């Protein structure tokens, strides 16, 4: 799985917690970095992505991933907006409000994984 957040500390902490729970994960700190990792690693099957980031946003990433990698699940997270205001229901497989509980994250990620 891939954790995408421009807040490096939050991304790295989330990755560490996921690894402690036995979930292999990688981090990217921008949409461009996420797309690069996704294009290089076909084993990535779900993305946890912040909505608000400089430049391209999590919504942009969701749309690009659905077009290029339709079998990759996407869960958005945000401390500033809700799923109702993002307009991204067609692109995403879940939404979590920040601050989040790692167990809620795991539940959402498992639900978002495509068969």
PDB file of N, CA and C in Angstrom:
ATOM      1  N   UNK A   1       0.836  -1.166   0.000  1.00  0.00           N
ATOM      2  CA  UNK A   1       0.000   0.000   0.000  1.00  0.00           C
ATOM      3  C   UNK A   1       0.881   1.228   0.000  1.00  0.00           C
ATOM      4  N   UNK A   2       0.292   2.369  -0.327  1.00  0.00           N
ATOM      5  CA  UNK A   2       1.043   3.607  -0.450  1.00  0.00           C
ATOM      6  C   UNK A   2       0.377   4.685   0.390  1.00  0.00           C
ATOM      7  N   UNK A   3       1.161   5.336   1.244  1.00  0.00           N
ATOM      8  CA  UNK A   3       0.708   6.472   2.044  1.00  0.00           C
ATOM      9  C   UNK A   3       1.201   7.734   1.359  1.00  0.00           C
ATOM     10  N   UNK A   4       0.268   8.659   1.057  1.00  0.00           N
ATOM     11  CA  UNK A   4       0.638   9.892   0.361  1.00  0.00           C
ATOM     12  C   UNK A   4       0.188  11.086   1.194  1.00  0.00           C
ATOM     13  N   UNK A   5       1.158  11.880   1.641  1.00  0.00           N
ATOM     14  CA  UNK A   5       0.855  13.076   2.428  1.00  0.00           C
ATOM     15  C   UNK A   5       2.048  14.012   2.335  1.00  0.00           C
ATOM     16  N   UNK A   6       1.793  15.302   2.144  1.00  0.00           N
ATOM     17  CA  UNK A   6       2.890  16.262   2.089  1.00  0.00           C
ATOM     18  C   UNK A   6       3.491  16.512   3.468  1.00  0.00           C
ATOM     19  N   UNK A   7       2.788  16.139   4.526  1.00  0.00           N
ATOM     20  CA  UNK A   7       3.324  16.201   5.886  1.00  0.00           C
ATOM     21  C   UNK A   7       4.156  14.938   6.094  1.00  0.00           C
ATOM     22  N   UNK A   8       5.456  15.082   5.913  1.00  0.00           N
ATOM     23  CA  UNK A   8       6.348  13.915   5.957  1.00  0.00           C
ATOM     24  C   UNK A   8       6.271  13.166   7.285  1.00  0.00           C
ATOM     25  N   UNK A   9       6.188  13.911   8.385  1.00  0.00           N
ATOM     26  CA  UNK A   9       6.121  13.252   9.686  1.00  0.00           C
ATOM     27  C   UNK A   9       4.874  12.383   9.805  1.00  0.00           C
ATOM     28  N   UNK A  10       3.736  12.907   9.369  1.00  0.00           N
ATOM     29  CA  UNK A  10       2.493  12.140   9.446  1.00  0.00           C
ATOM     30  C   UNK A  10       2.551  10.916   8.523  1.00  0.00           C
ATOM     31  N   UNK A  11       3.050  11.102   7.303  1.00  0.00           N
ATOM     32  CA  UNK A  11       3.169   9.974   6.369  1.00  0.00           C
ATOM     33  C   UNK A  11       4.092   8.897   6.934  1.00  0.00           C
ATOM     34  N   UNK A  12       5.251   9.324   7.441  1.00  0.00           N
ATOM     35  CA  UNK A  12       6.214   8.358   7.970  1.00  0.00           C
ATOM     36  C   UNK A  12       5.667   7.643   9.205  1.00  0.00           C
ATOM     37  N   UNK A  13       4.972   8.373  10.076  1.00  0.00           N
ATOM     38  CA  UNK A  13       4.386   7.766  11.274  1.00  0.00           C
ATOM     39  C   UNK A  13       3.308   6.762  10.894  1.00  0.00           C
ATOM     40  N   UNK A  14       2.458   7.132   9.943  1.00  0.00           N
ATOM     41  CA  UNK A  14       1.410   6.220   9.487  1.00  0.00           C
ATOM     42  C   UNK A  14       2.029   4.970   8.894  1.00  0.00           C
ATOM     43  N   UNK A  15       3.060   5.140   8.075  1.00  0.00           N
ATOM     44  CA  UNK A  15       3.740   3.982   7.492  1.00  0.00           C
ATOM     45  C   UNK A  15       4.324   3.088   8.579  1.00  0.00           C
ATOM     46  N   UNK A  16       4.959   3.674   9.563  1.00  0.00           N
ATOM     47  CA  UNK A  16       5.551   2.893  10.660  1.00  0.00           C
ATOM     48  C   UNK A  16       4.483   2.104  11.401  1.00  0.00           C
ATOM     49  N   UNK A  17       3.361   2.750  11.707  1.00  0.00           N
ATOM     50  CA  UNK A  17       2.273   2.060  12.408  1.00  0.00           C
ATOM     51  C   UNK A  17       1.701   0.921  11.568  1.00  0.00           C
ATOM     52  N   UNK A  18       1.535   1.155  10.266  1.00  0.00           N
ATOM     53  CA  UNK A  18       1.036   0.097   9.386  1.00  0.00           C
ATOM     54  C   UNK A  18       2.009  -1.079   9.345  1.00  0.00           C
ATOM     55  N   UNK A  19       3.293  -0.783   9.258  1.00  0.00           N
ATOM     56  CA  UNK A  19       4.310  -1.837   9.248  1.00  0.00           C
ATOM     57  C   UNK A  19       4.274  -2.623  10.556  1.00  0.00           C
ATOM     58  N   UNK A  20       4.064  -1.930  11.687  1.00  0.00           N
ATOM     59  CA  UNK A  20       3.981  -2.612  12.983  1.00  0.00           C
ATOM     60  C   UNK A  20       2.779  -3.550  13.032  1.00  0.00           C
ATOM     61  N   UNK A  21       1.743  -3.238  12.254  1.00  0.00           N
ATOM     62  CA  UNK A  21       0.557  -4.088  12.189  1.00  0.00           C
ATOM     63  C   UNK A  21       0.670  -5.151  11.091  1.00  0.00           C
ATOM     64  N   UNK A  22       1.841  -5.223  10.449  1.00  0.00           N
ATOM     65  CA  UNK A  22       2.083  -6.253   9.447  1.00  0.00           C
ATOM     66  C   UNK A  22       1.664  -5.890   8.039  1.00  0.00           C
ATOM     67  N   UNK A  23       1.424  -4.603   7.779  1.00  0.00           N
ATOM     68  CA  UNK A  23       1.005  -4.164   6.450  1.00  0.00           C
ATOM     69  C   UNK A  23       2.173  -3.460   5.772  1.00  0.00           C
ATOM     70  N   UNK A  24       2.710  -4.098   4.728  1.00  0.00           N
ATOM     71  CA  UNK A  24       3.817  -3.469   3.992  1.00  0.00           C
ATOM     72  C   UNK A  24       3.320  -2.198   3.324  1.00  0.00           C
ATOM     73  N   UNK A  25       4.069  -1.119   3.500  1.00  0.00           N
ATOM     74  CA  UNK A  25       3.657   0.156   2.908  1.00  0.00           C
ATOM     75  C   UNK A  25       4.873   0.982   2.525  1.00  0.00           C
ATOM     76  N   UNK A  26       4.615   1.917   1.644  1.00  0.00           N
ATOM     77  CA  UNK A  26       5.621   2.879   1.205  1.00  0.00           C
ATOM     78  C   UNK A  26       5.034   4.268   1.378  1.00  0.00           C
ATOM     79  N   UNK A  27       5.889   5.294   1.317  1.00  0.00           N
ATOM     80  CA  UNK A  27       5.432   6.681   1.415  1.00  0.00           C
ATOM     81  C   UNK A  27       5.786   7.456   0.157  1.00  0.00           C
ATOM     82  N   UNK A  28       4.927   8.401  -0.153  1.00  0.00           N
ATOM     83  CA  UNK A  28       5.211   9.427  -1.157  1.00  0.00           C
ATOM     84  C   UNK A  28       4.723  10.734  -0.551  1.00  0.00           C
ATOM     85  N   UNK A  29       5.378  11.825  -0.899  1.00  0.00           N
ATOM     86  CA  UNK A  29       5.079  13.110  -0.275  1.00  0.00           C
ATOM     87  C   UNK A  29       4.458  14.110  -1.241  1.00  0.00           C
ATOM     88  N   UNK A  30       4.069  13.609  -2.410  1.00  0.00           N
ATOM     89  CA  UNK A  30       3.405  14.440  -3.410  1.00  0.00           C
ATOM     90  C   UNK A  30       2.642  13.520  -4.368  1.00  0.00           C
ATOM     91  N   UNK A  31       1.750  14.112  -5.138  1.00  0.00           N
ATOM     92  CA  UNK A  31       1.018  13.339  -6.140  1.00  0.00           C
ATOM     93  C   UNK A  31       1.981  12.795  -7.185  1.00  0.00           C
ATOM     94  N   UNK A  32       2.917  13.626  -7.605  1.00  0.00           N
ATOM     95  CA  UNK A  32       3.883  13.185  -8.612  1.00  0.00           C
ATOM     96  C   UNK A  32       4.711  12.009  -8.106  1.00  0.00           C
ATOM     97  N   UNK A  33       5.138  12.085  -6.853  1.00  0.00           N
ATOM     98  CA  UNK A  33       5.893  10.983  -6.253  1.00  0.00           C
ATOM     99  C   UNK A  33       5.060   9.718  -6.155  1.00  0.00           C
ATOM    100  N   UNK A  34       3.792   9.881  -5.823  1.00  0.00           N
ATOM    101  CA  UNK A  34       2.890   8.729  -5.724  1.00  0.00           C
ATOM    102  C   UNK A  34       2.705   8.067  -7.083  1.00  0.00           C
ATOM    103  N   UNK A  35       2.485   8.868  -8.115  1.00  0.00           N
ATOM    104  CA  UNK A  35       2.295   8.305  -9.457  1.00  0.00           C
ATOM    105  C   UNK A  35       3.544   7.573  -9.926  1.00  0.00           C
ATOM    106  N   UNK A  36       4.705   8.133  -9.623  1.00  0.00           N
ATOM    107  CA  UNK A  36       5.958   7.491 -10.001  1.00  0.00           C
ATOM    108  C   UNK A  36       6.094   6.130  -9.319  1.00  0.00           C
ATOM    109  N   UNK A  37       5.824   6.070  -8.018  1.00  0.00           N
ATOM    110  CA  UNK A  37       5.908   4.797  -7.299  1.00  0.00           C
ATOM    111  C   UNK A  37       4.872   3.810  -7.813  1.00  0.00           C
ATOM    112  N   UNK A  38       3.677   4.290  -8.070  1.00  0.00           N
ATOM    113  CA  UNK A  38       2.609   3.421  -8.553  1.00  0.00           C
ATOM    114  C   UNK A  38       2.941   2.848  -9.926  1.00  0.00           C
ATOM    115  N   UNK A  39       3.517   3.659 -10.789  1.00  0.00           N
ATOM    116  CA  UNK A  39       3.893   3.186 -12.127  1.00  0.00           C
ATOM    117  C   UNK A  39       5.019   2.147 -12.067  1.00  0.00           C
ATOM    118  N   UNK A  40       5.889   2.252 -11.067  1.00  0.00           N
ATOM    119  CA  UNK A  40       7.025   1.334 -10.941  1.00  0.00           C
ATOM    120  C   UNK A  40       6.714   0.075 -10.149  1.00  0.00           C
ATOM    121  N   UNK A  41       5.669   0.115  -9.308  1.00  0.00           N
ATOM    122  CA  UNK A  41       5.408  -1.017  -8.417  1.00  0.00           C
ATOM    123  C   UNK A  41       3.982  -1.535  -8.591  1.00  0.00           C
ATOM    124  N   UNK A  42       3.809  -2.581  -9.387  1.00  0.00           N
ATOM    125  CA  UNK A  42       2.465  -3.114  -9.641  1.00  0.00           C
ATOM    126  C   UNK A  42       1.840  -3.827  -8.438  1.00  0.00           C
ATOM    127  N   UNK A  43       2.601  -3.999  -7.350  1.00  0.00           N
ATOM    128  CA  UNK A  43       2.028  -4.654  -6.171  1.00  0.00           C
ATOM    129  C   UNK A  43       1.220  -3.702  -5.302  1.00  0.00           C
ATOM    130  N   UNK A  44       1.315  -2.392  -5.552  1.00  0.00           N
ATOM    131  CA  UNK A  44       0.529  -1.430  -4.771  1.00  0.00           C
ATOM    132  C   UNK A  44      -0.934  -1.605  -5.163  1.00  0.00           C
ATOM    133  N   UNK A  45      -1.757  -1.931  -4.177  1.00  0.00           N
ATOM    134  CA  UNK A  45      -3.162  -2.172  -4.483  1.00  0.00           C
ATOM    135  C   UNK A  45      -4.119  -1.228  -3.768  1.00  0.00           C
ATOM    136  N   UNK A  46      -3.585  -0.365  -2.906  1.00  0.00           N
ATOM    137  CA  UNK A  46      -4.439   0.611  -2.222  1.00  0.00           C
ATOM    138  C   UNK A  46      -3.583   1.808  -1.807  1.00  0.00           C
ATOM    139  N   UNK A  47      -4.204   2.992  -1.852  1.00  0.00           N
ATOM    140  CA  UNK A  47      -3.530   4.241  -1.524  1.00  0.00           C
ATOM    141  C   UNK A  47      -4.311   4.959  -0.435  1.00  0.00           C
ATOM    142  N   UNK A  48      -3.593   5.457   0.554  1.00  0.00           N
ATOM    143  CA  UNK A  48      -4.146   6.343   1.578  1.00  0.00           C
ATOM    144  C   UNK A  48      -3.572   7.720   1.286  1.00  0.00           C
ATOM    145  N   UNK A  49      -4.423   8.687   0.948  1.00  0.00           N
ATOM    146  CA  UNK A  49      -3.927   9.967   0.450  1.00  0.00           C
ATOM    147  C   UNK A  49      -4.626  11.151   1.099  1.00  0.00           C
ATOM    148  N   UNK A  50      -3.832  12.129   1.517  1.00  0.00           N
ATOM    149  CA  UNK A  50      -4.356  13.387   2.024  1.00  0.00           C
ATOM    150  C   UNK A  50      -5.038  14.138   0.879  1.00  0.00           C
ATOM    151  N   UNK A  51      -6.092  14.876   1.186  1.00  0.00           N
ATOM    152  CA  UNK A  51      -6.798  15.645   0.162  1.00  0.00           C
ATOM    153  C   UNK A  51      -6.055  16.938  -0.149  1.00  0.00           C
ATOM    154  N   UNK A  52      -5.724  17.701   0.882  1.00  0.00           N
ATOM    155  CA  UNK A  52      -5.136  19.026   0.691  1.00  0.00           C
ATOM    156  C   UNK A  52      -3.619  18.927   0.692  1.00  0.00           C
ATOM    157  N   UNK A  53      -3.036  19.152  -0.495  1.00  0.00           N
ATOM    158  CA  UNK A  53      -1.580  19.179  -0.649  1.00  0.00           C
ATOM    159  C   UNK A  53      -1.245  20.274  -1.643  1.00  0.00           C
ATOM    160  N   UNK A  54      -0.043  20.827  -1.555  1.00  0.00           N
ATOM    161  CA  UNK A  54       0.343  21.853  -2.533  1.00  0.00           C
ATOM    162  C   UNK A  54       0.447  21.261  -3.939  1.00  0.00           C
ATOM    163  N   UNK A  55       0.155  22.062  -4.934  1.00  0.00           N
ATOM    164  CA  UNK A  55       0.188  21.566  -6.313  1.00  0.00           C
ATOM    165  C   UNK A  55      -1.005  20.678  -6.558  1.00  0.00           C
ATOM    166  N   UNK A  56      -0.754  19.504  -7.118  1.00  0.00           N
ATOM    167  CA  UNK A  56      -1.829  18.542  -7.339  1.00  0.00           C
ATOM    168  C   UNK A  56      -2.327  18.019  -5.997  1.00  0.00           C
ATOM    169  N   UNK A  57      -3.630  17.854  -5.870  1.00  0.00           N
ATOM    170  CA  UNK A  57      -4.243  17.436  -4.612  1.00  0.00           C
ATOM    171  C   UNK A  57      -4.543  15.936  -4.604  1.00  0.00           C
ATOM    172  N   UNK A  58      -5.011  15.469  -3.469  1.00  0.00           N
ATOM    173  CA  UNK A  58      -5.444  14.084  -3.368  1.00  0.00           C
ATOM    174  C   UNK A  58      -6.587  13.769  -4.310  1.00  0.00           C
ATOM    175  N   UNK A  59      -7.433  14.755  -4.575  1.00  0.00           N
ATOM    176  CA  UNK A  59      -8.529  14.564  -5.536  1.00  0.00           C
ATOM    177  C   UNK A  59      -7.967  14.365  -6.940  1.00  0.00           C
ATOM    178  N   UNK A  60      -6.947  15.137  -7.270  1.00  0.00           N
ATOM    179  CA  UNK A  60      -6.283  14.962  -8.566  1.00  0.00           C
ATOM    180  C   UNK A  60      -5.686  13.563  -8.674  1.00  0.00           C
ATOM    181  N   UNK A  61      -5.023  13.130  -7.596  1.00  0.00           N
ATOM    182  CA  UNK A  61      -4.432  11.795  -7.602  1.00  0.00           C
ATOM    183  C   UNK A  61      -5.508  10.730  -7.777  1.00  0.00           C
ATOM    184  N   UNK A  62      -6.614  10.880  -7.070  1.00  0.00           N
ATOM    185  CA  UNK A  62      -7.698   9.895  -7.173  1.00  0.00           C
ATOM    186  C   UNK A  62      -8.182   9.769  -8.615  1.00  0.00           C
ATOM    187  N   UNK A  63      -8.389  10.886  -9.286  1.00  0.00           N
ATOM    188  CA  UNK A  63      -8.864  10.853 -10.672  1.00  0.00           C
ATOM    189  C   UNK A  63      -7.816  10.213 -11.595  1.00  0.00           C
ATOM    190  N   UNK A  64      -6.552  10.571 -11.406  1.00  0.00           N
ATOM    191  CA  UNK A  64      -5.488  10.013 -12.239  1.00  0.00           C
ATOM    192  C   UNK A  64      -5.324   8.508 -12.015  1.00  0.00           C
ATOM    193  N   UNK A  65      -5.395   8.094 -10.763  1.00  0.00           N
ATOM    194  CA  UNK A  65      -5.238   6.663 -10.459  1.00  0.00           C
ATOM    195  C   UNK A  65      -6.393   5.873 -11.044  1.00  0.00           C
ATOM    196  N   UNK A  66      -7.602   6.369 -10.921  1.00  0.00           N
ATOM    197  CA  UNK A  66      -8.753   5.638 -11.465  1.00  0.00           C
ATOM    198  C   UNK A  66      -8.653   5.498 -12.982  1.00  0.00           C
ATOM    199  N   UNK A  67      -8.064   6.489 -13.636  1.00  0.00           N
ATOM    200  CA  UNK A  67      -7.904   6.425 -15.092  1.00  0.00           C
ATOM    201  C   UNK A  67      -6.758   5.481 -15.490  1.00  0.00           C
ATOM    202  N   UNK A  68      -5.656   5.505 -14.738  1.00  0.00           N
ATOM    203  CA  UNK A  68      -4.459   4.745 -15.114  1.00  0.00           C
ATOM    204  C   UNK A  68      -4.356   3.375 -14.460  1.00  0.00           C
ATOM    205  N   UNK A  69      -4.898   3.257 -13.257  1.00  0.00           N
ATOM    206  CA  UNK A  69      -4.797   2.015 -12.478  1.00  0.00           C
ATOM    207  C   UNK A  69      -6.147   1.747 -11.802  1.00  0.00           C
ATOM    208  N   UNK A  70      -7.156   1.368 -12.575  1.00  0.00           N
ATOM    209  CA  UNK A  70      -8.518   1.272 -12.035  1.00  0.00           C
ATOM    210  C   UNK A  70      -8.710   0.231 -10.936  1.00  0.00           C
ATOM    211  N   UNK A  71      -7.779  -0.670 -10.753  1.00  0.00           N
ATOM    212  CA  UNK A  71      -7.935  -1.692  -9.724  1.00  0.00           C
ATOM    213  C   UNK A  71      -7.204  -1.356  -8.430  1.00  0.00           C
ATOM    214  N   UNK A  72      -6.723  -0.118  -8.322  1.00  0.00           N
ATOM    215  CA  UNK A  72      -6.085   0.349  -7.090  1.00  0.00           C
ATOM    216  C   UNK A  72      -7.131   1.086  -6.270  1.00  0.00           C
ATOM    217  N   UNK A  73      -7.313   0.670  -5.025  1.00  0.00           N
ATOM    218  CA  UNK A  73      -8.256   1.335  -4.134  1.00  0.00           C
ATOM    219  C   UNK A  73      -7.679   2.644  -3.608  1.00  0.00           C
ATOM    220  N   UNK A  74      -8.546   3.607  -3.336  1.00  0.00           N
ATOM    221  CA  UNK A  74      -8.108   4.908  -2.843  1.00  0.00           C
ATOM    222  C   UNK A  74      -8.960   5.325  -1.659  1.00  0.00           C
ATOM    223  N   UNK A  75      -8.280   5.631  -0.549  1.00  0.00           N
ATOM    224  CA  UNK A  75      -8.938   6.167   0.637  1.00  0.00           C
ATOM    225  C   UNK A  75      -8.343   7.555   0.877  1.00  0.00           C
ATOM    226  N   UNK A  76      -9.208   8.567   0.911  1.00  0.00           N
ATOM    227  CA  UNK A  76      -8.762   9.932   1.162  1.00  0.00           C
ATOM    228  C   UNK A  76      -8.861  10.258   2.639  1.00  0.00           C
ATOM    229  N   UNK A  77      -7.966  11.133   3.093  1.00  0.00           N
ATOM    230  CA  UNK A  77      -8.003  11.637   4.462  1.00  0.00           C
ATOM    231  C   UNK A  77      -7.891  13.155   4.425  1.00  0.00           C
ATOM    232  N   UNK A  78      -8.553  13.819   5.377  1.00  0.00           N
ATOM    233  CA  UNK A  78      -8.445  15.265   5.451  1.00  0.00           C
ATOM    234  C   UNK A  78      -8.872  15.770   6.816  1.00  0.00           C
ATOM    235  N   UNK A  79      -8.214  16.807   7.253  1.00  0.00           N
ATOM    236  CA  UNK A  79      -8.607  17.506   8.470  1.00  0.00           C
ATOM    237  C   UNK A  79      -9.394  18.752   8.162  1.00  0.00           C
ATOM    238  N   UNK A  80      -9.585  19.050   6.875  1.00  0.00           N
ATOM    239  CA  UNK A  80     -10.212  20.308   6.477  1.00  0.00           C
ATOM    240  C   UNK A  80     -11.533  20.146   5.747  1.00  0.00           C
ATOM    241  N   UNK A  81     -11.795  18.994   5.220  1.00  0.00           N
ATOM    242  CA  UNK A  81     -12.972  18.818   4.386  1.00  0.00           C
ATOM    243  C   UNK A  81     -13.630  17.477   4.686  1.00  0.00           C
ATOM    244  N   UNK A  82     -14.798  17.275   4.150  1.00  0.00           N
ATOM    245  CA  UNK A  82     -15.482  15.995   4.316  1.00  0.00           C
ATOM    246  C   UNK A  82     -15.701  15.392   2.935  1.00  0.00           C
ATOM    247  N   UNK A  83     -16.061  14.141   2.898  1.00  0.00           N
ATOM    248  CA  UNK A  83     -16.313  13.473   1.618  1.00  0.00           C
ATOM    249  C   UNK A  83     -17.419  14.193   0.859  1.00  0.00           C
ATOM    250  N   UNK A  84     -18.401  14.720   1.571  1.00  0.00           N
ATOM    251  CA  UNK A  84     -19.503  15.403   0.908  1.00  0.00           C
ATOM    252  C   UNK A  84     -19.042  16.649   0.166  1.00  0.00           C
ATOM    253  N   UNK A  85     -17.991  17.302   0.661  1.00  0.00           N
ATOM    254  CA  UNK A  85     -17.528  18.529   0.011  1.00  0.00           C
ATOM    255  C   UNK A  85     -16.417  18.284  -1.000  1.00  0.00           C
ATOM    256  N   UNK A  86     -15.841  17.094  -1.030  1.00  0.00           N
ATOM    257  CA  UNK A  86     -14.751  16.843  -1.976  1.00  0.00           C
ATOM    258  C   UNK A  86     -15.252  16.602  -3.385  1.00  0.00           C
ATOM    259  N   UNK A  87     -16.465  16.075  -3.534  1.00  0.00           N
ATOM    260  CA  UNK A  87     -16.969  15.748  -4.859  1.00  0.00           C
ATOM    261  C   UNK A  87     -16.239  14.581  -5.493  1.00  0.00           C
ATOM    262  N   UNK A  88     -15.648  13.718  -4.680  1.00  0.00           N
ATOM    263  CA  UNK A  88     -14.796  12.654  -5.217  1.00  0.00           C
ATOM    264  C   UNK A  88     -15.359  11.266  -5.006  1.00  0.00           C
ATOM    265  N   UNK A  89     -16.602  11.146  -4.719  1.00  0.00           N
ATOM    266  CA  UNK A  89     -17.160   9.814  -4.444  1.00  0.00           C
ATOM    267  C   UNK A  89     -16.944   8.847  -5.605  1.00  0.00           C
ATOM    268  N   UNK A  90     -16.974   9.343  -6.831  1.00  0.00           N
ATOM    269  CA  UNK A  90     -16.814   8.445  -7.980  1.00  0.00           C
ATOM    270  C   UNK A  90     -15.384   7.927  -8.123  1.00  0.00           C
ATOM    271  N   UNK A  91     -14.422   8.602  -7.500  1.00  0.00           N
ATOM    272  CA  UNK A  91     -13.021   8.221  -7.642  1.00  0.00           C
ATOM    273  C   UNK A  91     -12.471   7.468  -6.445  1.00  0.00           C
ATOM    274  N   UNK A  92     -13.153   7.511  -5.311  1.00  0.00           N
ATOM    275  CA  UNK A  92     -12.552   6.989  -4.093  1.00  0.00           C
ATOM    276  C   UNK A  92     -13.347   5.829  -3.509  1.00  0.00           C
ATOM    277  N   UNK A  93     -12.689   5.139  -2.611  1.00  0.00           N
ATOM    278  CA  UNK A  93     -13.284   3.977  -1.968  1.00  0.00           C
ATOM    279  C   UNK A  93     -13.473   4.201  -0.474  1.00  0.00           C
ATOM    280  N   UNK A  94     -13.265   5.423  -0.019  1.00  0.00           N
ATOM    281  CA  UNK A  94     -13.445   5.720   1.391  1.00  0.00           C
ATOM    282  C   UNK A  94     -12.883   7.075   1.758  1.00  0.00           C
ATOM    283  N   UNK A  95     -13.264   7.531   2.939  1.00  0.00           N
ATOM    284  CA  UNK A  95     -12.812   8.826   3.458  1.00  0.00           C
ATOM    285  C   UNK A  95     -12.661   8.707   4.967  1.00  0.00           C
ATOM    286  N   UNK A  96     -11.573   9.280   5.489  1.00  0.00           N
ATOM    287  CA  UNK A  96     -11.315   9.307   6.926  1.00  0.00           C
ATOM    288  C   UNK A  96     -10.967  10.738   7.314  1.00  0.00           C
ATOM    289  N   UNK A  97     -11.594  11.220   8.378  1.00  0.00           N
ATOM    290  CA  UNK A  97     -11.284  12.556   8.888  1.00  0.00           C
ATOM    291  C   UNK A  97     -10.030  12.486   9.770  1.00  0.00           C
ATOM    292  N   UNK A  98      -9.191  13.510   9.648  1.00  0.00           N
ATOM    293  CA  UNK A  98      -8.033  13.645  10.534  1.00  0.00           C
ATOM    294  C   UNK A  98      -8.486  14.388  11.789  1.00  0.00           C
ATOM    295  N   UNK A  99      -7.914  14.126  12.928  1.00  0.00           N
ATOM    296  CA  UNK A  99      -6.931  13.073  13.183  1.00  0.00           C
ATOM    297  C   UNK A  99      -7.594  11.711  13.128  1.00  0.00           C
ATOM    298  N   UNK A 100      -6.854  10.722  12.670  1.00  0.00           N
ATOM    299  CA  UNK A 100      -7.442   9.399  12.516  1.00  0.00           C
ATOM    300  C   UNK A 100      -6.796   8.386  13.455  1.00  0.00           C
ATOM    301  N   UNK A 101      -7.522   7.320  13.671  1.00  0.00           N
ATOM    302  CA  UNK A 101      -7.077   6.186  14.460  1.00  0.00           C
ATOM    303  C   UNK A 101      -6.529   5.157  13.475  1.00  0.00           C
ATOM    304  N   UNK A 102      -5.355   4.594  13.755  1.00  0.00           N
ATOM    305  CA  UNK A 102      -4.720   3.677  12.810  1.00  0.00           C
ATOM    306  C   UNK A 102      -5.585   2.449  12.540  1.00  0.00           C
ATOM    307  N   UNK A 103      -6.374   2.040  13.509  1.00  0.00           N
ATOM    308  CA  UNK A 103      -7.237   0.872  13.292  1.00  0.00           C
ATOM    309  C   UNK A 103      -8.372   1.203  12.324  1.00  0.00           C
ATOM    310  N   UNK A 104      -8.876   2.452  12.361  1.00  0.00           N
ATOM    311  CA  UNK A 104      -9.867   2.888  11.366  1.00  0.00           C
ATOM    312  C   UNK A 104      -9.238   2.919   9.974  1.00  0.00           C
ATOM    313  N   UNK A 105      -7.992   3.364   9.912  1.00  0.00           N
ATOM    314  CA  UNK A 105      -7.277   3.397   8.636  1.00  0.00           C
ATOM    315  C   UNK A 105      -7.178   1.981   8.065  1.00  0.00           C
ATOM    316  N   UNK A 106      -6.756   1.044   8.878  1.00  0.00           N
ATOM    317  CA  UNK A 106      -6.620  -0.344   8.417  1.00  0.00           C
ATOM    318  C   UNK A 106      -7.958  -0.881   7.920  1.00  0.00           C
ATOM    319  N   UNK A 107      -9.031  -0.637   8.673  1.00  0.00           N
ATOM    320  CA  UNK A 107     -10.354  -1.108   8.256  1.00  0.00           C
ATOM    321  C   UNK A 107     -10.741  -0.533   6.898  1.00  0.00           C
ATOM    322  N   UNK A 108     -10.504   0.766   6.692  1.00  0.00           N
ATOM    323  CA  UNK A 108     -10.829   1.415   5.421  1.00  0.00           C
ATOM    324  C   UNK A 108      -9.968   0.879   4.284  1.00  0.00           C
ATOM    325  N   UNK A 109      -8.695   0.673   4.561  1.00  0.00           N
ATOM    326  CA  UNK A 109      -7.796   0.176   3.516  1.00  0.00           C
ATOM    327  C   UNK A 109      -8.172  -1.237   3.081  1.00  0.00           C
ATOM    328  N   UNK A 110      -8.485  -2.075   4.037  1.00  0.00           N
ATOM    329  CA  UNK A 110      -8.898  -3.439   3.701  1.00  0.00           C
ATOM    330  C   UNK A 110     -10.170  -3.412   2.871  1.00  0.00           C
ATOM    331  N   UNK A 111     -11.126  -2.564   3.256  1.00  0.00           N
ATOM    332  CA  UNK A 111     -12.379  -2.466   2.501  1.00  0.00           C
ATOM    333  C   UNK A 111     -12.156  -1.933   1.090  1.00  0.00           C
ATOM    334  N   UNK A 112     -11.120  -1.101   0.903  1.00  0.00           N
ATOM    335  CA  UNK A 112     -10.868  -0.486  -0.401  1.00  0.00           C
ATOM    336  C   UNK A 112     -10.086  -1.358  -1.356  1.00  0.00           C
ATOM    337  N   UNK A 113      -9.476  -2.421  -0.860  1.00  0.00           N
ATOM    338  CA  UNK A 113      -8.682  -3.296  -1.724  1.00  0.00           C
ATOM    339  C   UNK A 113      -9.577  -4.000  -2.720  1.00  0.00           C
ATOM    340  N   UNK A 114      -9.148  -3.978  -3.956  1.00  0.00           N
ATOM    341  CA  UNK A 114      -9.908  -4.617  -5.037  1.00  0.00           C
ATOM    342  C   UNK A 114      -9.524  -6.078  -5.139  1.00  0.00           C
ATOM    343  N   UNK A 115     -10.468  -6.945  -5.509  1.00  0.00           N
ATOM    344  CA  UNK A 115     -10.138  -8.378  -5.654  1.00  0.00           C
ATOM    345  C   UNK A 115      -9.217  -8.620  -6.827  1.00  0.00           C
TER     346      UNK A 115
END
